Amino acid sequence: MPPSRSQAYRRTVFYVPGFDPMPPRRYRELYRRESAKQAKISGYTVRQNRASDGDIASWDVTFEQGEEQAFTTFKSLVWSDIVKSAMRPTLWNIFARSFWYYGVFITSGALFRMNKIAIGPTIAALYPPIMTAIQVLAGVVLARAFFEVASSVLPVVAALMSAVAFFWLWLHFMRWLDRWFFAHYLMLDYAYFGQARGGLPKDISARIDTFADQVDEALQSDCDEVLVIGHSSGALIAVAATSRLLEKGAVLDGKLGLLTLGQSIPMLSFLPAAQEVRRALLTLSEAQNISWLDVSAPGDGACYPLTDPVAISGVATTRQRHPKIVSAAFSKTLSDAQKRALRFRFFKKHFQYLCAFDHPDQYDYFQLTSGPVPFHTSVQKFRESPSKITKIYSGFCDV
């Protein structure tokens, strides 16, 4: 028989996705599918059910390994509506936003400083404008060829108007194809967070307050543990929400944990107006009664691997306690078949932290987030990466 809630170790998990317009069910189904794979590999049992409260953004997980049992309620902290709104601008608006974003990153020196940490994220940051430029140039060449053909059968003015219309349709076609290229998607992701030169946009800042209140409510419940997880851009939001929770004096009782996966926090913390983000990093780094684990992998080109976001942002002090920097070590934990499947699928590789590993080492996402071992205990047992980066790279360190 499955364990009752009173018998099992009880945990509430709040998951913050990255810049993703997809609804929460995407992550619910991903957890269901991948946890079943990992359970078969690692020798435990995971059962996933719809949330008992009927919330479509939540799901329940029962975990059993031998005599040990745990019951976990997952809750997605939803901001996909904000992402959808940010992804609706016209083509010219996209170009204008991107021009502003890259102007901020280049003139502030942030882009050059981030390039010193890791080349992968810099390539990811430069990919959108390069790909867009290629698309525009290709459109110009095709439109000119179209004009040459059209001008042989139409008046020059009509042929020119037809060529301009062709060029415009070409750009829209490229936007439709972005579901495979991801150039506009990445451009809008970076532009959204860079719009205020590092300050948190007003809509997400208000949502972060709501997230903090939800976590606070869970801390006041009778569950054994509350865990906040942030993946990709969601890591920044998880850090900000947890920091605001601490700043308002929430009672933790050693129940709160923070797990950041594939984080790209320097993309914001290195900007001139990111004082709030740097202050949040400082607050969390010195906090007591909390555990913070940061997991990344050198094989993930969409994050800043093995970097201490507190230290490289220039806000680490002698009182720093967190985070513990751990490598998911894709080169060792993925089988040859998994590596081949992910070879040119860079976005899927960025999501590997949420998936099953054929050869898991110390990092097992499902055991860590729904298993019977307290998160604090697990963090203590993790081996910190000897290659972690703590050098100050940010040119702006004020809080």
Protein backbone atom coordinates (compact mmCIF):
# COMPACT_ATOMS: atom_id res chain seq x y z
CA MET A 1 0.00 0.00 0.00
CA PRO A 2 1.22 3.54 -0.67
CA PRO A 3 2.27 5.45 2.44
CA SER A 4 -0.13 7.87 4.06
CA ARG A 5 0.88 11.50 4.42
CA SER A 6 1.34 11.04 8.16
CA GLN A 7 3.78 8.15 7.62
CA ALA A 8 5.92 9.73 4.94
CA TYR A 9 8.46 12.52 5.04
CA ARG A 10 6.42 15.49 3.79
CA ARG A 11 7.83 18.11 1.48
CA THR A 12 6.43 21.01 -0.51
CA VAL A 13 8.34 21.98 -3.64
CA PHE A 14 7.93 25.23 -5.56
CA TYR A 15 9.28 25.01 -9.10
CA VAL A 16 10.12 28.16 -11.09
CA PRO A 17 10.60 27.50 -14.83
CA GLY A 18 12.74 29.60 -17.12
CA PHE A 19 11.55 32.01 -19.82
CA ASP A 20 8.95 29.62 -21.21
CA PRO A 21 5.45 30.38 -22.55
CA MET A 22 4.35 26.75 -22.10
CA PRO A 23 1.79 25.93 -19.38
CA PRO A 24 2.71 24.08 -16.14
CA ARG A 25 1.53 20.73 -17.49
CA ARG A 26 4.71 20.60 -19.59
CA TYR A 27 6.79 20.29 -16.43
CA ARG A 28 4.29 17.97 -14.75
CA GLU A 29 4.50 15.56 -17.68
CA LEU A 30 8.27 15.91 -17.90
CA TYR A 31 8.56 14.96 -14.23
CA ARG A 32 6.21 12.00 -14.67
CA ARG A 33 8.04 10.64 -17.70
CA GLU A 34 11.62 11.18 -16.52
CA SER A 35 11.04 10.09 -12.91
CA ALA A 36 9.77 6.74 -14.19
CA LYS A 37 13.00 6.31 -16.20
CA GLN A 38 15.23 7.27 -13.27
CA ALA A 39 13.30 5.05 -10.85
CA LYS A 40 13.89 2.04 -13.10
CA ILE A 41 17.62 2.84 -13.35
CA SER A 42 18.18 3.67 -9.68
CA GLY A 43 15.92 1.10 -8.04
CA TYR A 44 13.21 3.07 -6.31
CA THR A 45 9.50 3.64 -6.87
CA VAL A 46 7.88 6.92 -7.86
CA ARG A 47 4.14 7.42 -8.29
CA GLN A 48 2.74 10.69 -9.53
CA ASN A 49 -0.87 11.81 -9.11
CA ARG A 50 -2.89 14.90 -9.78
CA ALA A 51 -2.76 17.40 -6.94
CA SER A 52 -5.20 16.65 -4.15
CA ASP A 53 -6.42 20.26 -4.20
CA GLY A 54 -7.21 20.10 -7.93
CA ASP A 55 -4.67 22.80 -8.85
CA ILE A 56 -3.58 22.21 -12.48
CA ALA A 57 -0.20 23.80 -11.69
CA SER A 58 0.49 21.18 -8.97
CA TRP A 59 1.07 17.46 -8.68
CA ASP A 60 1.71 14.95 -5.89
CA VAL A 61 4.55 12.44 -5.79
CA THR A 62 4.90 9.34 -3.63
CA PHE A 63 8.48 8.04 -3.34
CA GLU A 64 9.50 4.67 -1.89
CA GLN A 65 12.93 3.11 -1.53
CA GLY A 66 13.08 0.08 0.71
CA GLU A 67 11.45 1.04 4.00
CA GLU A 68 11.90 4.76 3.40
CA GLN A 69 8.99 6.80 2.11
CA ALA A 70 8.25 10.40 1.22
CA PHE A 71 5.26 12.40 0.04
CA THR A 72 5.88 15.56 -1.95
CA THR A 73 3.56 18.20 -3.35
CA PHE A 74 4.96 20.09 -6.34
CA LYS A 75 3.66 23.54 -7.16
CA SER A 76 4.66 25.45 -10.29
CA LEU A 77 5.17 29.15 -9.70
CA VAL A 78 3.60 30.32 -12.94
CA TRP A 79 4.82 33.29 -14.94
CA SER A 80 4.20 31.90 -18.45
CA ASP A 81 1.55 34.59 -18.94
CA ILE A 82 4.24 37.26 -18.54
CA VAL A 83 6.46 35.40 -21.00
CA LYS A 84 3.64 35.17 -23.55
CA SER A 85 3.05 38.90 -23.25
CA ALA A 86 6.77 39.58 -23.72
CA MET A 87 6.81 37.43 -26.87
CA ARG A 88 3.99 39.24 -28.69
CA PRO A 89 5.75 42.34 -30.08
CA THR A 90 5.91 43.17 -33.77
CA LEU A 91 9.04 42.43 -35.77
CA TRP A 92 10.22 46.03 -35.58
CA ASN A 93 9.61 46.01 -31.82
CA ILE A 94 11.73 42.88 -31.51
CA PHE A 95 14.57 44.55 -33.39
CA ALA A 96 14.24 47.75 -31.32
CA ARG A 97 14.25 45.85 -28.02
CA SER A 98 17.25 43.81 -29.11
CA PHE A 99 19.16 46.92 -30.16
CA TRP A 100 18.58 48.35 -26.66
CA TYR A 101 19.50 45.09 -24.93
CA TYR A 102 22.77 44.55 -26.76
CA GLY A 103 23.58 48.24 -26.39
CA VAL A 104 23.30 47.90 -22.60
CA PHE A 105 25.41 44.73 -22.48
CA ILE A 106 28.13 46.10 -24.72
CA THR A 107 28.40 49.66 -23.38
CA SER A 108 28.35 48.49 -19.74
CA GLY A 109 31.17 46.02 -20.44
CA ALA A 110 29.04 43.16 -19.10
CA LEU A 111 29.22 41.12 -22.31
CA PHE A 112 33.03 41.20 -22.37
CA ARG A 113 33.27 40.33 -18.67
CA MET A 114 30.85 37.41 -19.05
CA ASN A 115 32.87 36.13 -21.99
CA LYS A 116 35.87 35.74 -19.65
CA ILE A 117 33.89 33.28 -17.52
CA ALA A 118 32.65 30.92 -20.24
CA ILE A 119 32.44 31.12 -24.01
CA GLY A 120 29.26 29.00 -24.32
CA PRO A 121 26.78 31.52 -22.86
CA THR A 122 28.44 34.32 -24.84
CA ILE A 123 27.90 32.38 -28.05
CA ALA A 124 24.29 31.83 -26.98
CA ALA A 125 23.93 35.59 -26.38
CA LEU A 126 25.45 36.51 -29.76
CA TYR A 127 23.60 33.82 -31.69
CA PRO A 128 20.26 35.72 -31.95
CA PRO A 129 21.58 38.90 -33.61
CA ILE A 130 23.88 36.92 -35.89
CA MET A 131 21.11 34.56 -36.98
CA THR A 132 18.69 37.47 -37.41
CA ALA A 133 21.25 39.37 -39.52
CA ILE A 134 21.67 36.29 -41.73
CA GLN A 135 17.90 36.05 -42.14
CA VAL A 136 17.63 39.75 -43.04
CA LEU A 137 20.50 39.58 -45.55
CA ALA A 138 19.01 36.46 -47.12
CA GLY A 139 15.69 38.30 -47.35
CA VAL A 140 17.37 41.26 -49.07
CA VAL A 141 19.05 39.00 -51.63
CA LEU A 142 15.82 37.12 -52.36
CA ALA A 143 13.79 40.33 -52.53
CA ARG A 144 16.25 41.80 -55.01
CA ALA A 145 16.03 38.68 -57.16
CA PHE A 146 12.24 38.87 -56.90
CA PHE A 147 12.37 42.51 -58.03
CA GLU A 148 14.49 41.62 -61.06
CA VAL A 149 11.97 39.03 -62.16
CA ALA A 150 8.91 41.17 -61.33
CA SER A 151 10.25 44.26 -63.09
CA SER A 152 10.32 42.36 -66.39
CA VAL A 153 6.54 41.99 -66.32
CA LEU A 154 5.40 44.87 -64.06
CA PRO A 155 6.01 48.63 -63.87
CA VAL A 156 9.03 49.50 -61.75
CA VAL A 157 6.97 50.97 -58.88
CA ALA A 158 4.71 47.91 -58.75
CA ALA A 159 7.73 45.58 -58.91
CA LEU A 160 9.42 47.51 -56.07
CA MET A 161 6.30 47.36 -53.89
CA SER A 162 6.01 43.64 -54.60
CA ALA A 163 9.65 43.12 -53.60
CA VAL A 164 9.13 45.02 -50.34
CA ALA A 165 6.04 42.90 -49.61
CA PHE A 166 8.06 39.78 -50.39
CA PHE A 167 10.79 40.89 -47.96
CA TRP A 168 8.21 41.54 -45.23
CA LEU A 169 6.61 38.12 -45.76
CA TRP A 170 10.08 36.55 -45.62
CA LEU A 171 10.77 38.07 -42.19
CA HIS A 172 7.42 36.79 -40.90
CA PHE A 173 8.20 33.36 -42.34
CA MET A 174 11.52 33.40 -40.46
CA ARG A 175 9.65 34.30 -37.29
CA TRP A 176 7.36 31.32 -37.82
CA LEU A 177 10.43 29.11 -38.32
CA ASP A 178 11.85 30.36 -35.01
CA ARG A 179 10.29 27.35 -33.30
CA TRP A 180 13.37 25.56 -34.71
CA PHE A 181 15.92 28.40 -34.82
CA PHE A 182 15.12 29.96 -31.38
CA ALA A 183 16.79 33.22 -32.45
CA HIS A 184 13.81 35.50 -31.74
CA TYR A 185 13.01 33.52 -28.59
CA LEU A 186 16.46 34.04 -27.11
CA MET A 187 16.50 37.65 -28.21
CA LEU A 188 13.22 38.32 -26.38
CA ASP A 189 14.44 36.42 -23.30
CA TYR A 190 17.57 38.57 -23.01
CA ALA A 191 15.72 41.76 -23.94
CA TYR A 192 13.05 41.16 -21.28
CA PHE A 193 15.53 40.97 -18.43
CA GLY A 194 17.81 43.65 -19.84
CA GLN A 195 15.10 46.24 -20.46
CA ALA A 196 15.77 48.09 -17.18
CA ARG A 197 19.60 47.84 -17.33
CA GLY A 198 19.53 45.10 -14.69
CA GLY A 199 16.55 46.17 -12.64
CA LEU A 200 13.74 43.62 -12.33
CA PRO A 201 10.82 44.41 -14.70
CA LYS A 202 7.75 45.63 -12.79
CA ASP A 203 5.48 42.74 -13.79
CA ILE A 204 7.88 40.01 -12.69
CA SER A 205 8.80 41.95 -9.55
CA ALA A 206 5.14 41.97 -8.50
CA ARG A 207 4.86 38.26 -9.29
CA ILE A 208 7.96 37.56 -7.18
CA ASP A 209 6.17 39.11 -4.19
CA THR A 210 3.30 36.68 -4.78
CA PHE A 211 5.73 33.76 -5.02
CA ALA A 212 7.36 34.77 -1.73
CA ASP A 213 3.95 34.83 -0.03
CA GLN A 214 3.15 31.34 -1.34
CA VAL A 215 6.42 29.95 -0.01
CA ASP A 216 5.85 31.70 3.33
CA GLU A 217 2.42 30.08 3.62
CA ALA A 218 3.96 26.65 3.04
CA LEU A 219 6.61 27.31 5.69
CA GLN A 220 3.82 27.92 8.20
CA SER A 221 2.19 24.58 7.37
CA ASP A 222 3.04 21.28 9.06
CA CYS A 223 5.18 19.90 6.21
CA ASP A 224 8.72 18.83 7.09
CA GLU A 225 10.47 20.80 4.38
CA VAL A 226 9.94 23.51 1.76
CA LEU A 227 12.13 23.52 -1.34
CA VAL A 228 12.31 26.26 -3.98
CA ILE A 229 13.72 25.21 -7.36
CA GLY A 230 14.71 27.60 -10.14
CA HIS A 231 15.85 26.46 -13.58
CA SER A 232 17.61 28.66 -16.15
CA SER A 233 16.11 32.20 -15.96
CA GLY A 234 13.87 30.84 -13.22
CA ALA A 235 16.94 30.53 -10.98
CA LEU A 236 17.12 34.31 -10.79
CA ILE A 237 13.43 34.52 -9.87
CA ALA A 238 13.84 31.80 -7.24
CA VAL A 239 16.77 33.71 -5.71
CA ALA A 240 14.82 36.98 -5.66
CA ALA A 241 11.69 35.38 -4.14
CA THR A 242 13.67 33.55 -1.44
CA SER A 243 15.58 36.73 -0.60
CA ARG A 244 12.38 38.76 -0.20
CA LEU A 245 11.04 36.02 2.02
CA LEU A 246 14.06 36.39 4.31
CA GLU A 247 13.97 40.18 4.23
CA LYS A 248 10.41 40.26 5.53
CA GLY A 249 11.38 38.05 8.48
CA ALA A 250 9.80 34.72 7.60
CA VAL A 251 10.21 32.00 10.22
CA LEU A 252 12.31 29.27 8.61
CA ASP A 253 12.95 26.75 11.40
CA GLY A 254 15.57 25.10 9.17
CA LYS A 255 12.84 24.00 6.72
CA LEU A 256 13.80 26.06 3.67
CA GLY A 257 15.98 24.88 0.80
CA LEU A 258 16.95 26.48 -2.51
CA LEU A 259 18.03 24.55 -5.62
CA THR A 260 19.25 26.46 -8.68
CA LEU A 261 19.81 24.54 -11.92
CA GLY A 262 21.64 25.72 -15.04
CA GLN A 263 21.59 29.31 -13.79
CA SER A 264 22.48 32.34 -15.89
CA ILE A 265 22.31 34.89 -13.07
CA PRO A 266 25.36 36.91 -14.30
CA MET A 267 23.31 37.93 -17.36
CA LEU A 268 21.49 40.28 -14.99
CA SER A 269 23.72 40.68 -11.93
CA PHE A 270 26.55 42.13 -14.07
CA LEU A 271 24.39 45.02 -15.33
CA PRO A 272 24.68 48.51 -13.81
CA ALA A 273 21.14 48.76 -12.33
CA ALA A 274 21.03 45.24 -10.86
CA GLN A 275 21.46 46.37 -7.25
CA GLU A 276 18.41 44.42 -6.09
CA VAL A 277 19.68 41.20 -7.67
CA ARG A 278 23.12 41.61 -6.13
CA ARG A 279 21.54 42.43 -2.76
CA ALA A 280 19.45 39.25 -3.01
CA LEU A 281 22.58 37.21 -3.69
CA LEU A 282 24.31 38.80 -0.70
CA THR A 283 21.33 38.16 1.59
CA LEU A 284 21.08 34.50 0.65
CA SER A 285 24.82 33.89 0.79
CA GLU A 286 24.92 34.85 4.49
CA ALA A 287 21.57 33.37 5.55
CA GLN A 288 21.30 30.87 8.38
CA ASN A 289 18.73 28.05 8.61
CA ILE A 290 18.71 27.63 4.84
CA SER A 291 20.47 25.33 2.35
CA TRP A 292 21.33 26.43 -1.18
CA LEU A 293 22.64 24.02 -3.80
CA ASP A 294 23.66 25.23 -7.27
CA VAL A 295 23.97 22.56 -9.97
CA SER A 296 25.39 23.13 -13.46
CA ALA A 297 27.51 21.31 -16.02
CA PRO A 298 30.36 22.40 -18.32
CA GLY A 299 28.52 20.61 -21.14
CA ASP A 300 25.58 23.00 -20.88
CA GLY A 301 26.28 25.98 -23.13
CA ALA A 302 23.27 27.95 -21.91
CA CYS A 303 24.46 28.51 -18.35
CA TYR A 304 27.53 29.74 -16.46
CA PRO A 305 28.88 26.37 -15.28
CA LEU A 306 30.48 25.87 -11.88
CA THR A 307 30.35 29.59 -11.10
CA ASP A 308 29.50 30.95 -7.68
CA PRO A 309 26.95 33.65 -8.64
CA VAL A 310 27.59 35.49 -5.38
CA ALA A 311 31.37 35.64 -5.72
CA ILE A 312 31.61 36.47 -9.42
CA SER A 313 29.04 39.24 -8.93
CA GLY A 314 31.38 40.83 -6.39
CA VAL A 315 29.12 40.62 -3.32
CA ALA A 316 30.72 37.73 -1.40
CA THR A 317 31.83 38.51 2.17
CA THR A 318 33.75 36.65 4.84
CA ARG A 319 30.34 35.57 6.21
CA GLN A 320 29.35 33.72 3.03
CA ARG A 321 27.79 30.31 3.66
CA HIS A 322 26.08 29.55 0.35
CA PRO A 323 25.71 28.26 -2.31
CA LYS A 324 27.41 24.90 -2.63
CA ILE A 325 28.53 24.55 -6.27
CA VAL A 326 28.10 21.05 -7.72
CA SER A 327 28.66 19.66 -11.21
CA ALA A 328 26.12 17.41 -12.91
CA ALA A 329 29.12 16.08 -14.87
CA PHE A 330 27.36 15.26 -18.14
CA SER A 331 30.54 13.66 -19.48
CA LYS A 332 30.32 10.97 -16.78
CA THR A 333 26.63 10.71 -15.89
CA LEU A 334 25.21 10.49 -19.42
CA SER A 335 25.55 7.27 -21.38
CA ASP A 336 27.04 7.29 -24.87
CA ALA A 337 23.53 6.93 -26.28
CA GLN A 338 22.32 9.94 -24.29
CA LYS A 339 25.30 12.00 -25.43
CA ARG A 340 24.62 11.17 -29.08
CA ALA A 341 20.95 12.08 -28.68
CA LEU A 342 21.87 15.46 -27.15
CA ARG A 343 24.85 16.26 -29.39
CA PHE A 344 23.18 19.03 -31.40
CA ARG A 345 20.12 19.57 -29.20
CA PHE A 346 21.43 22.39 -27.07
CA PHE A 347 18.11 23.36 -25.51
CA LYS A 348 17.30 19.79 -24.56
CA LYS A 349 20.73 19.50 -22.96
CA HIS A 350 19.92 22.63 -20.93
CA PHE A 351 16.88 20.74 -19.57
CA GLN A 352 18.89 17.63 -18.67
CA TYR A 353 18.99 18.68 -15.00
CA LEU A 354 15.25 17.87 -14.88
CA CYS A 355 15.68 14.50 -16.58
CA ALA A 356 16.94 10.99 -15.93
CA PHE A 357 20.64 10.05 -16.08
CA ASP A 358 21.78 6.61 -17.20
CA HIS A 359 24.77 6.77 -14.84
CA PRO A 360 23.74 9.09 -11.99
CA ASP A 361 26.50 10.04 -9.58
CA GLN A 362 25.63 12.25 -6.60
CA TYR A 363 23.00 14.30 -8.47
CA ASP A 364 19.63 12.61 -8.94
CA TYR A 365 16.94 15.25 -9.45
CA PHE A 366 14.06 13.00 -8.44
CA GLN A 367 15.66 11.53 -5.33
CA LEU A 368 16.80 15.00 -4.29
CA THR A 369 13.39 16.64 -4.74
CA SER A 370 10.98 13.88 -3.75
CA GLY A 371 13.05 11.35 -1.79
CA PRO A 372 12.93 10.74 1.98
CA VAL A 373 16.33 12.33 2.75
CA PRO A 374 15.99 15.98 3.89
CA PHE A 375 17.40 18.45 1.39
CA HIS A 376 19.72 19.93 4.03
CA THR A 377 21.23 16.49 4.67
CA SER A 378 21.66 15.83 0.97
CA VAL A 379 23.43 19.17 0.43
CA GLN A 380 25.91 18.38 3.20
CA LYS A 381 26.81 15.09 1.51
CA PHE A 382 27.37 16.60 -1.95
CA ARG A 383 30.97 17.00 -3.07
CA GLU A 384 31.60 20.58 -4.11
CA SER A 385 33.25 20.99 -7.49
CA PRO A 386 37.01 21.63 -7.19
CA SER A 387 36.71 23.70 -10.40
CA LYS A 388 34.21 26.20 -9.04
CA ILE A 389 34.82 29.80 -10.10
CA THR A 390 34.90 32.49 -7.41
CA LYS A 391 36.87 35.28 -9.06
CA ILE A 392 35.10 38.66 -9.24
CA TYR A 393 34.12 39.38 -12.83
CA SER A 394 31.34 41.93 -12.48
CA GLY A 395 32.20 45.57 -13.07
CA PHE A 396 29.25 46.64 -10.86
CA CYS A 397 29.24 45.35 -7.28
CA ASP A 398 27.04 47.89 -5.45
CA VAL A 399 23.92 46.67 -3.68
